[in-house]
């Protein structure tokens, strides 16, 4: 219904929203120790992870209403 009303991105599959959201939040947290051991990568700070997850969830990868890559 939200897609029909234009409140939800039409390219999103509603049944995958929960799984995707949990993945965006939990995977970086779970792999944080692994990434911290790679010296050429900056440490994954909690605030950086929070900002990244919020930006990805709220704005998507393309941002600014871009539909590049969508069918």
N, C-alpha and C. Protein backbone atom coordinates (compact mmCIF):
# COMPACT_ATOMS: atom_id res chain seq x y z
N UNK A 1 0.82 -1.19 0.00
CA UNK A 1 0.00 0.00 0.00
C UNK A 1 0.87 1.26 0.00
N UNK A 2 1.97 1.24 0.77
CA UNK A 2 2.85 2.41 0.83
C UNK A 2 3.49 2.67 -0.53
N UNK A 3 3.81 1.61 -1.27
CA UNK A 3 4.36 1.80 -2.62
C UNK A 3 3.32 2.41 -3.55
N UNK A 4 2.09 1.93 -3.46
CA UNK A 4 1.02 2.47 -4.29
C UNK A 4 0.77 3.95 -3.99
N UNK A 5 0.97 4.35 -2.74
CA UNK A 5 0.76 5.74 -2.34
C UNK A 5 1.99 6.60 -2.56
N UNK A 6 3.09 6.01 -3.05
CA UNK A 6 4.31 6.76 -3.32
C UNK A 6 5.15 7.07 -2.10
N UNK A 7 4.89 6.40 -0.98
CA UNK A 7 5.66 6.64 0.25
C UNK A 7 6.84 5.69 0.38
N UNK A 8 6.93 4.68 -0.45
CA UNK A 8 8.00 3.68 -0.39
C UNK A 8 8.57 3.51 -1.79
N UNK A 9 9.87 3.50 -1.88
CA UNK A 9 10.57 3.33 -3.14
C UNK A 9 9.98 2.15 -3.91
N UNK A 10 9.58 2.36 -5.16
CA UNK A 10 8.98 1.27 -5.94
C UNK A 10 9.96 0.16 -6.29
N UNK A 11 11.27 0.42 -6.17
CA UNK A 11 12.27 -0.61 -6.47
C UNK A 11 12.55 -1.54 -5.31
N UNK A 12 11.97 -1.27 -4.15
CA UNK A 12 12.19 -2.09 -2.96
C UNK A 12 11.19 -3.23 -2.91
N UNK A 13 11.68 -4.40 -2.53
CA UNK A 13 10.81 -5.55 -2.32
C UNK A 13 10.42 -5.56 -0.84
N UNK A 14 9.17 -5.26 -0.52
CA UNK A 14 8.77 -5.11 0.88
C UNK A 14 9.13 -6.28 1.79
N UNK A 15 9.03 -7.50 1.30
CA UNK A 15 9.30 -8.66 2.14
C UNK A 15 10.78 -8.73 2.56
N UNK A 16 11.66 -8.02 1.85
CA UNK A 16 13.09 -8.05 2.18
C UNK A 16 13.56 -6.86 3.02
N UNK A 17 12.67 -5.93 3.33
CA UNK A 17 13.06 -4.73 4.06
C UNK A 17 13.64 -5.07 5.43
N UNK A 18 13.01 -5.92 6.19
CA UNK A 18 13.50 -6.26 7.53
C UNK A 18 14.86 -6.94 7.44
N UNK A 19 15.00 -7.93 6.57
CA UNK A 19 16.28 -8.64 6.42
C UNK A 19 17.39 -7.68 6.00
N UNK A 20 17.11 -6.81 5.06
CA UNK A 20 18.11 -5.86 4.59
C UNK A 20 18.51 -4.88 5.69
N UNK A 21 17.54 -4.39 6.43
CA UNK A 21 17.82 -3.45 7.51
C UNK A 21 18.69 -4.09 8.58
N UNK A 22 18.35 -5.28 8.99
CA UNK A 22 19.14 -5.99 10.00
C UNK A 22 20.55 -6.24 9.48
N UNK A 23 20.67 -6.61 8.21
CA UNK A 23 21.99 -6.87 7.63
C UNK A 23 22.85 -5.62 7.61
N UNK A 24 22.27 -4.49 7.24
CA UNK A 24 23.02 -3.23 7.16
C UNK A 24 23.54 -2.85 8.55
N UNK A 25 22.81 -3.19 9.58
CA UNK A 25 23.21 -2.82 10.93
C UNK A 25 24.11 -3.87 11.56
N UNK A 26 23.75 -5.13 11.47
CA UNK A 26 24.44 -6.18 12.21
C UNK A 26 25.75 -6.66 11.56
N UNK A 27 25.80 -6.77 10.24
CA UNK A 27 27.00 -7.30 9.60
C UNK A 27 28.23 -6.44 9.89
N UNK A 28 28.17 -5.11 9.74
CA UNK A 28 29.35 -4.32 10.09
C UNK A 28 29.74 -4.44 11.56
N UNK A 29 28.78 -4.52 12.45
CA UNK A 29 29.09 -4.68 13.87
C UNK A 29 29.74 -6.04 14.14
N UNK A 30 29.22 -7.07 13.51
CA UNK A 30 29.75 -8.41 13.73
C UNK A 30 31.16 -8.58 13.14
N UNK A 31 31.46 -7.88 12.06
CA UNK A 31 32.76 -8.02 11.41
C UNK A 31 33.75 -6.92 11.82
N UNK A 32 33.36 -6.11 12.75
CA UNK A 32 34.19 -4.99 13.19
C UNK A 32 35.58 -5.42 13.63
N UNK A 33 35.69 -6.49 14.38
CA UNK A 33 36.99 -6.99 14.84
C UNK A 33 37.88 -7.40 13.69
N UNK A 34 37.30 -7.98 12.66
CA UNK A 34 38.06 -8.40 11.48
C UNK A 34 38.63 -7.19 10.76
N UNK A 35 37.81 -6.17 10.54
CA UNK A 35 38.27 -4.98 9.83
C UNK A 35 39.30 -4.19 10.64
N UNK A 36 39.19 -4.23 11.95
CA UNK A 36 40.15 -3.52 12.80
C UNK A 36 41.55 -4.12 12.70
N UNK A 37 41.67 -5.36 12.23
CA UNK A 37 42.98 -6.02 12.11
C UNK A 37 43.67 -5.70 10.78
N UNK A 38 43.00 -5.03 9.87
CA UNK A 38 43.59 -4.69 8.58
C UNK A 38 44.18 -3.29 8.70
N UNK A 39 45.52 -3.18 8.69
CA UNK A 39 46.16 -1.90 9.00
C UNK A 39 45.89 -0.77 8.00
N UNK A 40 45.57 -1.08 6.76
CA UNK A 40 45.35 -0.01 5.77
C UNK A 40 43.94 0.57 5.85
N UNK A 41 43.06 -0.05 6.61
CA UNK A 41 41.69 0.45 6.75
C UNK A 41 41.56 1.28 8.02
N UNK A 42 40.77 2.34 7.96
CA UNK A 42 40.54 3.10 9.19
C UNK A 42 39.69 2.27 10.16
N UNK A 43 39.83 2.51 11.45
CA UNK A 43 39.01 1.77 12.41
C UNK A 43 37.53 2.07 12.20
N UNK A 44 36.68 1.07 12.39
CA UNK A 44 35.24 1.26 12.24
C UNK A 44 34.68 1.77 13.56
N UNK A 45 34.54 3.06 13.64
CA UNK A 45 34.01 3.70 14.85
C UNK A 45 32.49 3.55 14.89
N UNK A 46 31.95 3.49 16.09
CA UNK A 46 30.51 3.31 16.28
C UNK A 46 29.71 4.42 15.60
N UNK A 47 30.15 5.66 15.73
CA UNK A 47 29.42 6.78 15.11
C UNK A 47 29.46 6.69 13.58
N UNK A 48 30.60 6.24 13.03
CA UNK A 48 30.70 6.07 11.58
C UNK A 48 29.73 4.99 11.10
N UNK A 49 29.67 3.88 11.82
CA UNK A 49 28.75 2.80 11.46
C UNK A 49 27.30 3.26 11.55
N UNK A 50 26.98 4.02 12.59
CA UNK A 50 25.61 4.52 12.76
C UNK A 50 25.22 5.44 11.61
N UNK A 51 26.10 6.38 11.28
CA UNK A 51 25.82 7.32 10.19
C UNK A 51 25.68 6.59 8.86
N UNK A 52 26.55 5.62 8.62
CA UNK A 52 26.50 4.85 7.37
C UNK A 52 25.17 4.09 7.26
N UNK A 53 24.79 3.40 8.32
CA UNK A 53 23.55 2.62 8.30
C UNK A 53 22.34 3.53 8.07
N UNK A 54 22.29 4.65 8.79
CA UNK A 54 21.17 5.57 8.62
C UNK A 54 21.12 6.14 7.20
N UNK A 55 22.27 6.53 6.67
CA UNK A 55 22.30 7.07 5.31
C UNK A 55 21.87 6.04 4.29
N UNK A 56 22.37 4.82 4.45
CA UNK A 56 22.03 3.77 3.50
C UNK A 56 20.54 3.42 3.57
N UNK A 57 20.00 3.32 4.77
CA UNK A 57 18.60 2.96 4.93
C UNK A 57 17.67 4.10 4.48
N UNK A 58 18.00 5.33 4.86
CA UNK A 58 17.10 6.44 4.57
C UNK A 58 17.27 7.02 3.17
N UNK A 59 18.48 7.03 2.66
CA UNK A 59 18.74 7.66 1.36
C UNK A 59 19.07 6.67 0.25
N UNK A 60 19.41 5.46 0.60
CA UNK A 60 19.80 4.47 -0.40
C UNK A 60 21.20 4.73 -0.92
N UNK A 61 21.67 3.88 -1.77
CA UNK A 61 23.02 3.99 -2.29
C UNK A 61 23.12 5.14 -3.28
N UNK A 62 22.14 5.33 -4.13
CA UNK A 62 22.21 6.37 -5.16
C UNK A 62 21.96 7.75 -4.58
N UNK A 63 21.05 7.88 -3.64
CA UNK A 63 20.73 9.17 -3.04
C UNK A 63 20.16 10.16 -4.04
N UNK A 64 19.73 11.28 -3.58
CA UNK A 64 19.21 12.37 -4.40
C UNK A 64 18.17 11.94 -5.43
N UNK A 65 17.42 10.92 -5.14
CA UNK A 65 16.35 10.48 -6.05
C UNK A 65 16.83 9.84 -7.31
N UNK A 66 18.10 9.50 -7.40
CA UNK A 66 18.64 8.87 -8.61
C UNK A 66 18.03 7.49 -8.78
N UNK A 67 17.73 7.14 -10.01
CA UNK A 67 17.20 5.81 -10.29
C UNK A 67 18.19 5.02 -11.12
N UNK A 68 19.43 5.48 -11.20
CA UNK A 68 20.45 4.77 -11.97
C UNK A 68 20.60 3.34 -11.48
N UNK A 69 20.61 2.41 -12.38
CA UNK A 69 20.75 1.01 -12.02
C UNK A 69 19.44 0.31 -11.75
N UNK A 70 18.35 1.05 -11.71
CA UNK A 70 17.05 0.42 -11.49
C UNK A 70 16.46 0.05 -12.85
N UNK A 71 15.75 -1.07 -12.90
CA UNK A 71 15.15 -1.49 -14.18
C UNK A 71 14.07 -0.53 -14.66
